Protein backbone atom coordinates (compact mmCIF):
# COMPACT_ATOMS: atom_id res chain seq x y z
CA MET A 1 -9.08 -33.29 15.05
CA VAL A 2 -10.61 -32.75 11.65
CA ASP A 3 -14.03 -31.98 13.10
CA LEU A 4 -12.52 -29.56 15.64
CA ALA A 5 -10.65 -27.72 12.88
CA ALA A 6 -13.97 -27.12 11.15
CA ASP A 7 -15.65 -25.83 14.28
CA ARG A 8 -17.28 -22.50 13.85
CA GLU A 9 -15.53 -20.79 16.77
CA VAL A 10 -12.15 -22.12 15.69
CA ARG A 11 -12.78 -20.47 12.27
CA LYS A 12 -13.80 -17.09 13.70
CA ALA A 13 -11.17 -14.38 13.99
CA ALA A 14 -12.95 -13.01 17.12
CA GLY A 15 -13.50 -16.36 18.80
CA PHE A 16 -10.48 -18.70 18.08
CA ARG A 17 -8.29 -17.36 20.93
CA ALA A 18 -10.83 -18.26 23.50
CA VAL A 19 -11.13 -21.78 22.06
CA ALA A 20 -7.34 -22.03 22.09
CA ALA A 21 -7.19 -21.01 25.77
CA GLU A 22 -9.65 -23.80 26.65
CA LEU A 23 -7.58 -26.50 24.76
CA SER A 24 -4.79 -28.51 26.26
CA GLY A 25 -1.95 -30.58 25.02
CA GLU A 26 -3.47 -33.57 26.88
CA GLY A 27 -6.86 -33.15 25.02
CA LEU A 28 -5.18 -32.67 21.67
CA THR A 29 -2.92 -35.66 22.17
CA GLU A 30 -6.09 -37.78 22.68
CA LEU A 31 -7.50 -36.52 19.42
CA TYR A 32 -4.16 -37.01 17.76
CA THR A 33 -4.04 -40.70 18.92
CA GLN A 34 -7.60 -41.22 17.65
CA GLU A 35 -6.71 -39.64 14.26
CA THR A 36 -3.70 -41.88 13.93
CA ALA A 37 -5.65 -45.01 14.80
CA ASN A 38 -8.45 -44.22 12.35
CA ALA A 39 -6.25 -42.91 9.61
CA PRO A 40 -7.05 -43.93 5.94
CA ARG A 41 -4.50 -46.31 4.56
CA ARG A 42 -3.89 -45.28 1.02
CA GLN A 43 -1.15 -47.74 0.12
CA GLU A 44 -3.43 -50.60 1.28
CA ALA A 45 -5.93 -49.40 -1.33
CA GLY A 46 -3.26 -49.67 -3.98
CA ARG A 47 -2.83 -45.95 -4.42
CA LYS A 48 0.28 -43.76 -4.35
CA TYR A 49 0.79 -40.71 -2.21
CA PHE A 50 3.03 -38.82 -4.64
CA VAL A 51 0.73 -38.18 -7.61
CA ALA A 52 0.96 -35.30 -10.08
CA TYR A 53 -1.03 -32.19 -9.32
CA ASN A 54 -3.67 -31.13 -11.87
CA SER A 55 -1.81 -29.49 -14.62
CA ARG A 56 -4.66 -27.29 -15.62
CA LEU A 57 -4.96 -25.97 -12.11
CA ALA A 58 -1.22 -25.44 -11.92
CA ALA A 59 -0.78 -23.51 -15.21
CA THR A 60 -2.00 -20.15 -14.09
CA ARG A 61 -2.75 -18.21 -10.92
CA LYS A 62 -6.28 -18.89 -9.75
CA PRO A 63 -8.38 -17.39 -7.01
CA GLY A 64 -8.22 -19.35 -3.75
CA ARG A 65 -5.25 -21.50 -4.82
CA ASP A 66 -2.19 -19.50 -3.65
CA ASP A 67 -1.69 -21.83 -0.67
CA GLU A 68 -1.45 -24.79 -3.05
CA HIS A 69 0.68 -23.03 -5.62
CA ALA A 70 3.07 -21.68 -2.87
CA SER A 71 3.61 -25.29 -1.65
CA LEU A 72 4.19 -26.55 -5.22
CA ALA A 73 6.67 -23.79 -5.78
CA LEU A 74 8.59 -24.62 -2.56
CA ALA A 75 8.73 -28.39 -3.40
CA ASP A 76 9.80 -27.57 -6.94
CA HIS A 77 12.55 -25.25 -5.70
CA CYS A 78 14.15 -28.05 -3.56
CA LEU A 79 13.88 -30.71 -6.18
CA ARG A 80 14.89 -28.53 -9.18
CA ASN A 81 17.92 -27.14 -7.52
CA GLY A 82 18.80 -29.98 -5.17
CA VAL A 83 18.83 -27.66 -2.25
CA ASN A 84 17.55 -27.56 1.38
CA ILE A 85 15.99 -24.52 2.95
CA GLU A 86 17.52 -23.47 6.22
CA LEU A 87 15.29 -23.29 9.31
CA PRO A 88 15.77 -20.36 11.64
CA ASP A 89 17.70 -20.55 14.86
CA ASP A 90 20.40 -22.83 13.41
CA VAL A 91 18.35 -26.01 14.04
CA GLY A 92 19.04 -27.47 10.59
CA ALA A 93 17.42 -27.46 7.14
CA VAL A 94 14.38 -29.02 5.39
CA SER A 95 14.08 -30.49 1.96
CA PHE A 96 10.55 -30.55 0.56
CA VAL A 97 10.00 -33.63 -1.55
CA HIS A 98 6.32 -33.34 -2.70
CA ALA A 99 3.45 -30.88 -2.48
CA GLN A 100 -0.35 -31.46 -2.30
CA VAL A 101 -0.12 -35.10 -1.12
CA PRO A 102 -3.53 -36.80 -1.14
CA LEU A 103 -4.32 -38.59 2.10
CA LYS A 104 -7.66 -40.19 1.34
CA SER A 105 -7.74 -43.91 0.54
CA ALA A 106 -11.00 -43.64 -1.31
CA ALA A 107 -13.82 -41.12 -2.04
CA GLU A 108 -15.76 -40.21 1.08
CA ASP A 109 -18.74 -42.47 1.83
CA LYS A 110 -21.37 -40.40 3.44
CA SER A 111 -23.41 -43.53 4.29
CA LYS A 112 -20.70 -44.38 6.92
CA GLY A 113 -20.86 -41.09 8.60
CA ASP A 114 -18.19 -40.60 11.29
CA ALA A 115 -17.07 -44.15 10.77
CA ASP A 116 -15.57 -43.21 7.42
CA PRO A 117 -11.81 -42.73 7.85
CA ASN A 118 -11.88 -40.50 4.75
CA LYS A 119 -14.42 -38.03 6.19
CA GLY A 120 -13.10 -34.53 6.03
CA VAL A 121 -9.67 -35.63 5.00
CA GLY A 122 -7.93 -33.51 2.32
CA ARG A 123 -4.41 -33.06 1.12
CA LEU A 124 -1.15 -32.54 2.89
CA ASP A 125 0.36 -29.32 1.70
CA LEU A 126 4.09 -30.30 1.88
CA LEU A 127 6.06 -33.38 2.81
CA GLY A 128 9.80 -33.57 3.24
CA ALA A 129 12.78 -34.52 5.35
CA GLY A 130 14.15 -32.26 8.06
CA PRO A 131 16.99 -32.35 10.58
CA ASP A 132 18.33 -35.84 11.17
CA GLY A 133 15.88 -37.24 8.61
CA ARG A 134 12.82 -36.28 10.64
CA MET A 135 9.66 -36.47 8.58
CA VAL A 136 8.43 -32.86 7.96
CA VAL A 137 4.83 -31.93 7.27
CA GLY A 138 4.26 -28.35 6.07
CA GLN A 139 0.90 -26.51 6.52
CA VAL A 140 0.92 -23.48 4.14
CA ARG A 141 -0.94 -20.16 4.46
CA TYR A 142 -0.22 -17.61 1.79
CA LEU A 143 -1.42 -14.03 1.50
CA ALA A 144 0.13 -11.72 -1.06
CA PRO A 145 1.98 -8.58 0.11
CA SER A 146 -0.88 -6.57 -1.44
CA ALA A 147 -3.57 -8.30 0.50
CA ALA A 148 -5.72 -5.94 2.41
CA ARG A 149 -7.49 -8.38 4.70
CA GLY A 150 -7.32 -11.98 5.90
CA ARG A 151 -9.45 -14.76 4.65
CA THR A 152 -12.88 -15.46 6.15
CA GLY A 153 -13.09 -18.69 8.12
CA ASP A 154 -9.33 -19.09 8.51
CA THR A 155 -7.36 -18.69 11.70
CA PRO A 156 -3.95 -19.78 13.02
CA LEU A 157 -5.73 -22.24 15.30
CA ARG A 158 -7.49 -23.83 12.34
CA ALA A 159 -4.19 -24.13 10.54
CA LEU A 160 -2.62 -25.75 13.67
CA LEU A 161 -5.42 -28.34 13.98
CA GLU A 162 -5.48 -29.20 10.28
CA GLY A 163 -1.76 -29.48 10.37
CA LEU A 164 -1.85 -31.86 13.40
CA ALA A 165 -4.56 -33.96 11.67
CA ALA A 166 -2.30 -34.24 8.55
CA VAL A 167 0.71 -35.17 10.71
CA ALA A 168 -1.29 -37.88 12.54
CA ILE A 169 -2.32 -39.51 9.23
CA ALA A 170 1.26 -39.19 7.80
CA GLN A 171 2.65 -40.83 10.95
CA ALA A 172 0.25 -43.66 10.68
CA ASN A 173 1.43 -44.25 7.11
CA VAL A 174 5.09 -43.41 7.62
CA ALA A 175 6.33 -46.81 6.17
CA ALA A 176 4.58 -46.11 2.84
CA LEU A 177 5.68 -42.50 2.73
CA ARG A 178 9.26 -43.48 3.57
CA GLU A 179 9.35 -45.72 0.45
CA GLU A 180 8.08 -43.00 -1.81
CA VAL A 181 10.42 -40.32 -0.36
CA MET A 182 13.35 -42.58 -0.95
CA ALA A 183 12.16 -43.50 -4.46
CA LYS A 184 11.76 -39.77 -5.52
CA ALA A 185 14.46 -37.97 -3.64
CA GLY A 186 16.80 -40.62 -2.21
CA LEU A 187 16.17 -39.34 1.31
CA THR A 188 15.58 -41.58 4.33
CA LEU A 189 12.97 -40.72 6.85
CA SER A 190 13.88 -41.54 10.42
CA ASP A 191 11.69 -43.01 13.12
CA ALA A 192 11.75 -39.70 15.12
CA PRO A 193 8.45 -37.99 15.72
CA PRO A 194 7.38 -35.79 12.83
CA LEU A 195 7.93 -32.01 12.66
CA LEU A 196 4.94 -29.79 11.80
CA LEU A 197 5.86 -26.52 10.10
CA LEU A 198 3.11 -23.90 10.02
CA ILE A 199 4.28 -21.74 7.12
CA GLY A 200 2.62 -18.46 6.55
CA SER A 201 3.58 -15.61 4.34
CA PRO A 202 4.69 -12.42 6.30
CA ARG A 203 1.50 -10.71 5.22
CA TYR A 204 -0.63 -13.62 6.53
CA TRP A 205 0.98 -13.37 10.02
CA GLU A 206 0.73 -9.52 9.96
CA LEU A 207 -2.96 -9.55 9.23
CA CYS A 208 -3.67 -12.22 11.86
CA ARG A 209 -1.95 -10.10 14.46
CA LYS A 210 -3.88 -6.98 13.55
CA ARG A 211 -7.06 -8.77 14.35
CA GLU A 212 -6.25 -8.82 18.07
CA ALA A 213 -5.16 -6.14 20.60
CA GLN A 214 -1.49 -5.92 21.52
CA LYS A 215 -0.49 -7.16 18.10
CA GLY A 216 -1.94 -10.70 18.75
CA ALA A 217 0.03 -11.39 21.89
CA ALA A 218 -2.86 -13.32 23.52
CA TRP A 219 -3.37 -15.83 20.69
CA ILE A 220 0.36 -16.23 20.11
CA LYS A 221 0.78 -17.03 23.70
CA GLU A 222 -1.94 -19.73 23.37
CA MET A 223 -0.40 -21.11 20.20
CA GLU A 224 3.07 -21.37 21.79
CA ARG A 225 1.55 -22.99 24.84
CA LEU A 226 -0.21 -25.64 22.80
CA ALA A 227 2.94 -26.30 20.73
CA GLY A 228 4.93 -26.91 23.76
CA GLU A 229 2.34 -29.21 25.37
CA ILE A 230 1.82 -31.18 22.21
CA GLU A 231 5.59 -31.78 21.77
CA ALA A 232 5.88 -32.74 25.40
CA SER A 233 3.11 -35.40 25.16
CA THR A 234 3.58 -36.69 21.52
CA GLY A 235 7.06 -35.72 20.52
CA VAL A 236 5.69 -33.89 17.46
CA GLY A 237 7.45 -30.53 17.06
CA VAL A 238 5.54 -27.50 16.00
CA VAL A 239 7.23 -24.54 14.50
CA PHE A 240 5.65 -21.24 13.32
CA LEU A 241 7.39 -19.90 10.31
CA ALA A 242 7.25 -17.00 7.91
CA CYS A 243 8.25 -17.77 4.31
CA ASN A 244 9.68 -14.73 2.55
CA VAL A 245 9.67 -14.79 -1.30
CA GLU A 246 10.51 -11.98 -3.63
CA GLY A 247 7.66 -10.30 -5.55
CA ASP A 248 3.91 -10.64 -5.57
CA PRO A 249 3.05 -13.38 -5.44
CA GLY A 250 6.70 -14.52 -5.72
CA TRP A 251 6.48 -17.11 -8.44
CA SER A 252 5.65 -17.27 -12.09
CA TYR A 253 4.18 -19.82 -14.47
CA ALA A 254 6.48 -19.82 -17.43
CA GLU A 255 7.01 -23.61 -17.25
CA GLY A 256 3.45 -24.70 -16.83
CA GLY A 257 3.46 -24.60 -13.05
CA PRO A 258 4.48 -22.24 -10.26
CA VAL A 259 8.21 -21.67 -10.03
CA LEU A 260 9.77 -19.41 -7.45
CA ASP A 261 11.37 -16.15 -8.77
CA ALA A 262 14.07 -16.32 -6.18
CA ALA A 263 15.30 -18.47 -3.32
CA PRO A 264 12.85 -18.45 -0.34
CA ARG A 265 13.80 -17.68 3.26
CA LEU A 266 12.27 -19.32 6.28
CA GLU A 267 12.22 -17.11 9.33
CA ARG A 268 10.45 -17.01 12.71
CA ALA A 269 6.78 -16.09 12.29
CA TRP A 270 7.16 -13.50 15.09
CA GLU A 271 9.63 -12.15 17.52
CA TYR A 272 10.67 -14.09 20.62
CA ASP A 273 8.58 -12.10 23.06
CA ALA A 274 5.55 -11.71 20.91
CA GLY A 275 3.46 -13.87 23.15
CA ARG A 276 4.16 -11.85 26.31
CA ILE A 277 1.08 -10.04 27.29
CA ARG A 278 2.01 -6.63 28.59
CA PRO A 279 0.07 -5.28 31.53
CA LYS A 280 -2.18 -2.37 30.85
CA PRO A 281 -0.61 0.85 32.12
CA ARG A 282 -2.32 2.41 35.09
CA PRO A 283 -4.51 5.34 34.19
CA ARG A 284 -2.85 8.64 34.88
CA ALA A 285 -4.25 10.58 37.85
CA LYS A 286 -6.46 13.39 36.63
CA GLN A 287 -4.99 16.75 37.22
CA VAL A 288 -7.49 18.55 39.53
CA ASP A 289 -7.54 22.30 39.72
CA PRO A 290 -7.42 23.36 43.41
CA ALA A 291 -10.27 25.67 42.79
CA ASP A 292 -12.51 22.60 41.95
CA LEU A 293 -11.88 21.04 45.35
CA PRO A 294 -14.48 21.64 48.07
CA ALA A 295 -13.39 24.68 50.08
CA GLU A 296 -12.65 24.12 53.76
CA PRO A 297 -13.98 26.62 56.30
CA ASP A 298 -11.55 29.25 57.40
CA LEU A 299 -11.82 29.03 61.16
CA SER A 300 -9.80 32.16 61.60
CA ARG A 301 -12.73 34.18 60.39
CA PRO A 302 -15.96 34.43 62.34
CA VAL A 303 -19.33 33.15 61.19
CA ARG A 304 -21.22 35.96 59.53
CA ASP A 305 -24.89 36.45 58.89
CA TYR A 306 -25.87 36.33 55.23
CA ALA A 307 -27.04 39.51 53.61
CA VAL A 308 -27.00 40.49 49.91
CA THR A 309 -25.11 43.59 50.77
CA GLU A 310 -22.30 41.71 52.35
CA SER A 311 -19.29 40.49 50.33
CA PHE A 312 -17.95 37.03 50.93
CA GLU A 313 -14.75 35.07 50.04
CA ARG A 314 -13.96 31.40 49.56
CA GLY A 315 -13.80 29.74 52.99
CA ASP A 316 -16.10 32.23 54.68
CA ARG A 317 -18.73 30.68 56.95
CA ILE A 318 -22.12 32.28 56.65
CA GLN A 319 -25.38 31.80 58.55
CA HIS A 320 -28.43 31.84 56.27
CA ALA A 321 -31.92 32.38 57.76
CA THR A 322 -33.37 29.49 55.81
CA LEU A 323 -30.54 27.29 54.53
CA GLY A 324 -28.48 27.35 57.78
CA LEU A 325 -24.76 27.33 58.12
CA GLY A 326 -22.87 27.24 54.87
CA ILE A 327 -19.31 27.53 53.53
CA VAL A 328 -18.52 29.83 50.63
CA GLN A 329 -16.89 27.76 47.70
CA GLY A 330 -16.14 30.61 45.37
CA ILE A 331 -17.39 33.07 42.76
CA ALA A 332 -20.32 31.91 40.72
CA GLY A 333 -20.48 34.90 38.34
CA GLN A 334 -20.76 38.62 38.75
CA GLY A 335 -22.26 39.38 42.15
CA LYS A 336 -22.87 35.71 42.99
CA ILE A 337 -21.20 33.04 45.06
CA ASN A 338 -21.47 29.23 45.43
CA VAL A 339 -22.23 28.20 48.95
CA LEU A 340 -22.27 24.59 50.26
CA PHE A 341 -24.94 23.96 52.83
CA GLY A 342 -24.20 20.40 53.96
CA ASP A 343 -24.47 18.31 50.71
CA ARG A 344 -26.33 21.00 48.89
CA LYS A 345 -24.72 23.65 46.79
CA SER A 346 -26.68 26.98 46.35
CA VAL A 347 -25.98 30.12 44.42
CA LEU A 348 -26.48 33.32 46.44
CA VAL A 349 -26.27 37.07 45.67
CA HIS A 350 -23.65 39.04 47.56
CA GLY A 351 -21.85 42.44 47.34
CA ARG A 352 -24.87 44.32 46.28
CA PRO A 353 -24.77 48.02 47.14
CA ALA A 354 -27.40 49.01 49.67
CA GLY A 355 -30.65 50.16 48.22
CA VAL A 356 -29.92 48.71 44.66
CA GLY A 357 -32.71 46.38 43.69
CA MET A 358 -34.10 46.53 47.22
CA PRO A 359 -37.63 47.72 48.22
CA SER A 360 -37.62 51.30 49.66
CA SER A 361 -38.36 51.64 53.34
CA PRO A 362 -41.85 53.01 54.34
CA ALA A 363 -41.96 56.70 55.32
CA SER A 364 -41.48 57.49 59.04
CA PRO A 365 -44.63 58.93 60.65
CA PHE A 366 -42.41 61.56 62.34
CA SER A 367 -40.89 62.86 59.12
CA ALA A 368 -41.64 66.40 58.15
């Protein structure tokens, strides 16, 4: 799962939807099971999960750390005020207990290669308790309201895969995490399958949707499909959320770490029918001027021999000494007509007064 999340196509804004379309809940469940079986065991290494975040990194806003600071601010809000944050659709509330939870049991050992359970493993953004004591893992993506573009190498599919990898490791270590949650917040985690919350700022989701046609409907459809298939096969719920906070970024550092300026609101990341792909409208029939249509022969008028002194109208049939039988299509300019001879269109002169531009006749030998 970790390796798949780092795949180049998964990380490309132009390619992740195609990758998502090829994935299935069955395939991801197999990866999830492998991730759980090979998960690092931090408690067995004598290490705690709930450790303090680096105070120097938390003291001020720093480039590239908004995701981390947003998660710290959300956990601080719940603990400081003793409150839960309501989930949309009246499904309950979540209480975040700790942010930036390390999952490695030891430093990565490159000599072990893929056999090292700590390879590619990072931190879990948010851990908490949700409805009915269900363990909640939050995966955070934050872009400020003033952000003009999304981040390179980051896509909703990558966030989903990283979140599932974190959930798999957390579920493998649920006994140890249950102890630390109880010790810190007095909350009991149930045995129910975990709940993964993919939490993005409104601007994050907005910019993700602008990258694709039809406001991102195609990739949203694939994300929702995968979420449903994953829950059906593993029991792990996946919810896509937008976290609304007031201000830019929405927190301050007056107390040595990120503190929200106002209570946050968790809402649906997109509207209910956002994943419905609307059929492309049929192209409108081009309005054709009747004069542009091929003229049909007017059978009420007889075939006439062509001569430059004769005048012809659209639909007239004319017999040309060289070109054969043709149908007059219309005027081609002053003193000219378009005539269709089979598949060939020719421009002929017509309506010329007799004697104008014509060679004079030779004198009669009987003239005086």
